[in-house]
Amino acid sequence: MTKEEVLDELKKRKMDDIVELIEDAEAGQLEELEIVESIGLLYDRDLNHTLIQVFKDLGVEIVYVSDDEEIE
């Protein structure tokens, strides 16, 4: 799935916050993203995996935190 296909799917699902994160990453305004590994960003596991890869391809560092850690 390409970045454009991911964006289309997110827009279709009205996930505007995630679309904004991708736009921020494209503009170089998002360097790091903290994710609880057991939860991810989306409920759809396949789309979640692809989305994380899109962020990595855009140079965003993915930081996994455990369920127990507080995100500051």
Protein backbone atom coordinates (compact mmCIF):
# COMPACT_ATOMS: atom_id res chain seq x y z
CA MET A 1 0.00 0.00 0.00
CA THR A 2 1.44 3.38 -1.00
CA LYS A 3 1.38 6.53 1.10
CA GLU A 4 -1.33 7.91 -1.16
CA GLU A 5 -3.45 4.79 -0.68
CA VAL A 6 -3.00 5.05 3.09
CA LEU A 7 -4.05 8.70 2.99
CA ASP A 8 -7.10 7.86 0.88
CA GLU A 9 -8.12 5.13 3.32
CA LEU A 10 -7.66 7.41 6.33
CA LYS A 11 -9.69 10.17 4.67
CA LYS A 12 -12.42 7.67 3.79
CA ARG A 13 -12.55 6.65 7.46
CA LYS A 14 -12.54 10.34 8.51
CA MET A 15 -9.33 9.96 10.52
CA ASP A 16 -8.35 13.59 10.10
CA ASP A 17 -5.97 13.65 13.09
CA ILE A 18 -3.83 10.89 11.58
CA VAL A 19 -3.89 12.63 8.17
CA GLU A 20 -2.62 15.78 9.90
CA LEU A 21 0.21 13.81 11.51
CA ILE A 22 1.29 12.55 8.08
CA GLU A 23 1.15 16.10 6.69
CA ASP A 24 3.25 17.31 9.63
CA ALA A 25 5.78 14.54 8.97
CA GLU A 26 5.94 15.48 5.27
CA ALA A 27 6.61 19.09 6.26
CA GLY A 28 9.41 18.03 8.62
CA GLN A 29 7.45 19.11 11.68
CA LEU A 30 7.18 15.65 13.22
CA GLU A 31 10.43 14.02 14.24
CA GLU A 32 9.29 11.48 16.82
CA LEU A 33 6.08 9.62 17.56
CA GLU A 34 5.47 7.72 20.80
CA ILE A 35 3.24 4.69 20.43
CA VAL A 36 2.06 2.14 22.96
CA GLU A 37 3.14 -0.98 21.12
CA SER A 38 0.22 -3.14 22.26
CA ILE A 39 -2.28 -0.52 21.06
CA GLY A 40 -0.68 1.08 18.01
CA LEU A 41 -2.29 4.00 16.20
CA LEU A 42 -5.28 2.23 14.63
CA TYR A 43 -7.51 -0.73 15.41
CA ASP A 44 -6.97 -2.14 11.93
CA ARG A 45 -3.72 -4.07 12.38
CA ASP A 46 -2.76 -4.16 8.70
CA LEU A 47 -3.42 -0.45 8.17
CA ASN A 48 -1.65 0.32 11.46
CA HIS A 49 1.47 -1.56 10.33
CA THR A 50 1.43 0.21 6.95
CA LEU A 51 0.88 3.60 8.59
CA ILE A 52 3.84 3.11 10.91
CA GLN A 53 5.96 2.23 7.87
CA VAL A 54 4.81 5.43 6.15
CA PHE A 55 5.98 7.44 9.16
CA LYS A 56 9.33 5.63 9.15
CA ASP A 57 9.73 6.31 5.43
CA LEU A 58 9.11 10.00 6.15
CA GLY A 59 11.96 9.99 8.68
CA VAL A 60 9.83 9.91 11.83
CA GLU A 61 11.42 8.03 14.70
CA ILE A 62 8.92 5.61 16.23
CA VAL A 63 9.37 5.25 19.99
CA TYR A 64 7.51 2.35 21.56
CA VAL A 65 6.44 2.73 25.17
CA SER A 66 4.96 0.07 27.38
CA ASP A 67 1.43 0.19 28.75
CA ASP A 68 2.88 1.03 32.15
CA GLU A 69 4.94 4.05 31.11
CA GLU A 70 3.49 7.53 31.26
CA ILE A 71 3.71 9.47 28.00
CA GLU A 72 4.88 12.99 28.79
